[in-house]
Amino acid sequence: MPPINCEMEFELFTLPNGIRVIHKPVESPVAHLGVILNAGSRDETDKESGIAHLIEHCIFKGTTRRKAFHVLSRLDDVGGDLNAFTTKEDTCIFASFTSQYYERAIELISDIIFNSSFPDKEIEKEKEVVVDEINSYKDNPSDEIFEEFEELMFADHPLGARITGTPESVKSFSRKQILSFVKKHYFRRDMVISSVGTINISKLKAMLTEHFGQFTMSAASNHRIPFADYKPFEKKVKRNNHQSHCIIGNLAYSLDHELKTPMFLLSNVLGGPGLNTRLNLNIREKYGFCYNIEASYTPYSDGGMFSVYLGTDDSYLDRSINLVHKELRKLRKERLGTLQLHKAKQQLLGQIAIAQETNANEMLSIGKSLLVYDKVDTFKEIRERIEAVSAEQMLTVANEVFDSGQLSTFVYELAEK
């Protein structure tokens, strides 16, 4: 394993069975610990669509040592919190708790990952819960439109499949299929344990070795096929909503691409969380057309996606779309000035610093970084990388990703006009 440069901001070690661990010491009464697995919805076969997400639900429903109630109560009884989530490429089981309960959290998460029993009765109950979750997205068009846009963009590819699956696929799963997926994707050496909190590092090593180091882990086995068949599209769907919704997007860069940082910076300038983004100032503030308008960039291990989302009154839809394209053209034609670029960098750095102040977010972030890159950058290193972005790189990214001939558009328009 290559050396990891973290300037002692992080403690890193590897358990005897190959599981990597990263810990960030902080002075806080609250600690956070999570296990990040390199398996998500894109690792499912066609017949497994939604199984990773269902497992995330069912994993808390009992182990060979505990019933579901005791799993859920183990940290709740001391004011802690236990949770999980599934993405396209990973699954995370994590907990927040006061520092004196570090071992309680470690032992519980270990028991959940390695000893979950997946009782048939609980699986059937959780299937209904997941189906309700799927249906809830249909009541929220601002979420549903992203699901449909990705299905169209990554057509006939695992990245286009919905993380939740479909009601039909979820209802079809058997306990045997669940156990098979867990065995194949969970017990692997590319698992990462991430911790942020106040604890003696020797004690943490001993706890993790006892509760995680005893298991035999297999080598990584994911064989992900890169997406390579993108065709720009324009599509409108009539929906009985109160307003129209639109996504404009294109493929973008992977997690390890040299232009990933300029892409993040450009997306932030265009439509990040700040109130002074170009989309917010020139569409919402200037004209009052949109309440929600944002740009986002999601990188994957072998590709990525850029998108602009807006929700607006149907009478403003066409004008709003035209204004989005106007802003994209500006970024393709006009290099950011020195002051504009400096302000953009300072804004992104400030947002990163604030996010890192939330230790739960930091725990997830450093764990994901170790999983994907086998290293974690300090804030100083992140700053240097952002500061190194040039106006020429920003222009290159804009011309590659915002190319009007490569942009796709998907609209929910009102069923009745």
Foldseek 3Di string as FASTA:
>chain_A
DDDFDAVPQWDWDAFPQQAIEIEGEDPDQKKKKKKKFFAAQLLDDPLQRQLVVLCQVQLLQDFPVGGNVCLCVLQVVQVKDWHWDGDLTIIMTMIMHGPVCVLSRLQSVLRSLPTRPRDQVSLQVSLVVLQVVVVVVVVPVLNVVVLVVLCQFLPPHSSNGDRNHHSVSSNPDDPVVSVVVSVQTRQASLMYMFMYYHDDPVVVSVSCCVRPVVDNGHYDDRDHDDRDDGDAAEEEDEDADQWKKKKKKFKAAAPPDLLPLLVVLLQCQQFNPDCNRPLNVVPCVPPVFFPDWGWDWAHHHGIIMIMIMTIGHLVCVVVSVVVSLVVLVCQLPDQDDPVRLVVSLVVVLVVVVVLVVPVNSVRVVQRVCCSRPVYGYDSVVVSVSSVPDGSVSSNVRSCVISPVNRMHMYMHHHPPD
